[in-house]
């Protein structure tokens, strides 16, 4: 029996059910962790995992199962949901990665400059190739992550009223 696609749903609820099962199943497929290991991590049987991934069984994808996925599969689910909402997912730099506000600002400026340079080089010949697109996406993700670190300092200042500038090695 062929699995029905999301375009074959008869109601909005069925459509969401099919889409959720498809996202969950695809995320597990993209994972480097095997399905039996994923099932064990979720504390369910491989048969139950198959039922959750199969939209024809009527089993919904429990949020607790999504939260229990291996990191790479979890990220694939988050990326699919973000893409569905027209959002992007980028990895944030580790908390206090630089510990220096001026260094963070300089790094954000450099990464943004590198992203713009990559974009200009990619479009210089009038088109963007697959490899240029991958490099450009990576450069943009780096720039966004560094800018988000700067934004977090701004948000902290808004919450606290005034915050001191951090400096690495300052006494």
Protein backbone atom coordinates (compact mmCIF):
# COMPACT_ATOMS: atom_id res chain seq x y z
CA UNK A 1 0.00 0.00 0.00
CA UNK A 2 1.42 3.38 -0.99
CA UNK A 3 1.69 5.95 1.79
CA UNK A 4 -0.55 8.94 1.20
CA UNK A 5 1.24 12.26 0.81
CA UNK A 6 0.22 15.47 2.57
CA UNK A 7 -1.51 16.62 -0.64
CA UNK A 8 -3.97 13.68 -0.33
CA UNK A 9 -5.42 14.72 3.03
CA UNK A 10 -9.16 15.13 3.29
CA UNK A 11 -9.23 17.65 6.13
CA UNK A 12 -6.85 20.19 7.68
CA UNK A 13 -6.42 17.87 10.68
CA UNK A 14 -5.53 14.92 8.45
CA UNK A 15 -3.16 17.14 6.51
CA UNK A 16 -1.37 18.14 9.76
CA UNK A 17 -1.26 14.49 10.84
CA UNK A 18 0.34 13.41 7.57
CA UNK A 19 2.76 16.32 7.61
CA UNK A 20 3.81 15.63 11.22
CA UNK A 21 4.45 11.95 10.50
CA UNK A 22 6.40 12.87 7.37
CA UNK A 23 8.58 15.41 9.21
CA UNK A 24 9.24 12.96 12.06
CA UNK A 25 10.01 10.07 9.69
CA UNK A 26 12.30 12.20 7.50
CA UNK A 27 14.18 13.49 10.52
CA UNK A 28 14.89 9.94 11.68
CA UNK A 29 15.98 9.03 8.14
CA UNK A 30 18.44 11.95 8.15
CA UNK A 31 19.86 10.93 11.52
CA UNK A 32 23.10 9.01 11.86
CA UNK A 33 21.37 6.97 14.58
CA UNK A 34 19.66 3.75 13.47
CA UNK A 35 15.92 3.32 13.93
CA UNK A 36 16.25 0.56 16.58
CA UNK A 37 18.54 2.81 18.62
CA UNK A 38 16.15 5.76 18.20
CA UNK A 39 13.30 3.55 19.41
CA UNK A 40 15.35 2.50 22.44
CA UNK A 41 16.21 6.13 23.23
CA UNK A 42 12.51 6.99 23.05
CA UNK A 43 11.76 3.98 25.28
CA UNK A 44 9.36 2.47 22.74
CA UNK A 45 9.51 -0.63 20.59
CA UNK A 46 10.67 -0.47 16.96
CA UNK A 47 7.10 -1.44 15.99
CA UNK A 48 5.69 1.56 17.90
CA UNK A 49 8.24 3.80 16.20
CA UNK A 50 7.05 2.49 12.82
CA UNK A 51 3.44 3.21 13.81
CA UNK A 52 4.26 6.79 14.80
CA UNK A 53 6.12 7.35 11.52
CA UNK A 54 3.30 5.83 9.44
CA UNK A 55 0.46 8.34 8.94
CA UNK A 56 -2.00 5.57 8.02
CA UNK A 57 -2.01 4.13 11.57
CA UNK A 58 -3.75 7.10 13.13
CA UNK A 59 -0.99 7.45 15.75
CA UNK A 60 -0.01 11.06 16.37
CA UNK A 61 3.61 12.10 16.86
CA UNK A 62 3.90 12.84 20.59
CA UNK A 63 5.96 15.89 21.52
CA UNK A 64 7.80 13.75 24.07
CA UNK A 65 9.08 11.61 21.16
CA UNK A 66 10.29 14.69 19.29
CA UNK A 67 12.08 15.93 22.41
CA UNK A 68 13.74 12.53 22.84
CA UNK A 69 15.21 12.33 19.34
CA UNK A 70 18.98 12.26 18.81
CA UNK A 71 20.42 15.75 18.30
CA UNK A 72 20.72 15.53 14.51
CA UNK A 73 17.14 14.26 14.10
CA UNK A 74 15.82 16.82 16.59
CA UNK A 75 17.54 19.60 14.64
CA UNK A 76 16.00 18.28 11.39
CA UNK A 77 12.52 18.50 12.98
CA UNK A 78 13.20 22.03 14.25
CA UNK A 79 14.51 23.08 10.82
CA UNK A 80 11.45 21.62 9.08
CA UNK A 81 9.10 23.42 11.46
CA UNK A 82 11.04 26.67 11.12
CA UNK A 83 11.00 26.37 7.33
CA UNK A 84 7.24 25.76 7.45
CA UNK A 85 6.89 29.03 9.39
CA UNK A 86 9.23 30.94 7.08
CA UNK A 87 11.95 31.11 9.71
CA UNK A 88 15.59 30.04 9.76
CA UNK A 89 17.59 28.06 12.30
CA UNK A 90 21.21 28.95 12.96
CA UNK A 91 23.49 27.67 15.70
CA UNK A 92 24.30 30.28 18.29
CA UNK A 93 27.88 30.75 19.38
CA UNK A 94 28.50 29.18 22.78
CA UNK A 95 27.56 31.37 25.70
CA UNK A 96 30.37 33.74 26.51
CA UNK A 97 32.33 32.47 23.52
CA UNK A 98 34.49 35.55 23.48
CA UNK A 99 33.66 37.17 26.82
CA UNK A 100 34.61 40.48 25.21
CA UNK A 101 31.99 42.84 23.79
CA UNK A 102 34.42 44.59 21.44
CA UNK A 103 35.69 41.25 20.13
CA UNK A 104 32.09 40.09 19.60
CA UNK A 105 31.29 43.24 17.64
CA UNK A 106 34.44 42.92 15.53
CA UNK A 107 33.70 39.25 14.86
CA UNK A 108 30.11 40.05 13.85
CA UNK A 109 31.36 42.74 11.48
CA UNK A 110 33.95 40.41 9.95
CA UNK A 111 31.45 37.57 9.49
CA UNK A 112 28.89 39.90 7.90
CA UNK A 113 31.58 41.23 5.57
CA UNK A 114 32.59 37.68 4.61
CA UNK A 115 28.94 36.82 3.85
CA UNK A 116 28.56 39.87 1.60
CA UNK A 117 31.87 39.10 -0.11
CA UNK A 118 30.75 35.52 -0.74
CA UNK A 119 27.45 36.79 -2.16
CA UNK A 120 29.20 39.24 -4.49
CA UNK A 121 31.60 36.55 -5.70
CA UNK A 122 28.73 34.11 -6.22
CA UNK A 123 26.67 36.48 -8.39
CA UNK A 124 29.63 37.99 -10.28
CA UNK A 125 29.07 35.66 -13.25
CA UNK A 126 25.29 36.16 -13.29
CA UNK A 127 24.24 32.96 -11.50
CA UNK A 128 24.82 31.02 -8.28
CA UNK A 129 25.97 27.40 -8.46
CA UNK A 130 25.09 24.69 -5.95
CA UNK A 131 28.54 24.88 -4.30
CA UNK A 132 28.44 28.69 -4.22
CA UNK A 133 24.99 28.49 -2.65
CA UNK A 134 26.23 26.11 0.05
CA UNK A 135 29.21 28.36 0.84
CA UNK A 136 27.01 31.44 0.87
CA UNK A 137 24.48 29.77 3.19
CA UNK A 138 27.28 28.79 5.56
CA UNK A 139 28.72 32.32 5.56
CA UNK A 140 25.26 33.80 6.21
CA UNK A 141 24.65 31.37 9.09
CA UNK A 142 27.97 32.40 10.67
CA UNK A 143 27.15 36.10 10.31
CA UNK A 144 23.64 35.65 11.70
CA UNK A 145 24.95 33.68 14.67
CA UNK A 146 27.48 36.38 15.50
CA UNK A 147 24.88 39.12 15.13
CA UNK A 148 22.52 37.18 17.39
CA UNK A 149 25.23 37.13 20.07
CA UNK A 150 25.40 40.93 19.83
CA UNK A 151 21.58 41.09 19.92
CA UNK A 152 21.54 39.03 23.12
CA UNK A 153 23.74 41.64 24.83
CA UNK A 154 21.26 44.31 23.67
CA UNK A 155 18.37 42.29 25.06
CA UNK A 156 20.18 41.86 28.36
CA UNK A 157 20.68 45.64 28.53
CA UNK A 158 16.97 46.14 27.92
CA UNK A 159 16.08 43.75 30.73
CA UNK A 160 18.67 45.00 33.22
CA UNK A 161 18.58 48.72 32.34
CA UNK A 162 22.37 49.10 32.23
CA UNK A 163 25.04 46.44 31.80
CA UNK A 164 28.81 46.82 31.92
CA UNK A 165 30.86 46.20 28.81
CA UNK A 166 32.65 42.89 29.14
CA UNK A 167 36.36 42.64 28.44
CA UNK A 168 38.45 39.50 28.33
CA UNK A 169 41.19 39.59 30.91
CA UNK A 170 39.91 42.81 32.47
CA UNK A 171 40.48 43.08 36.18
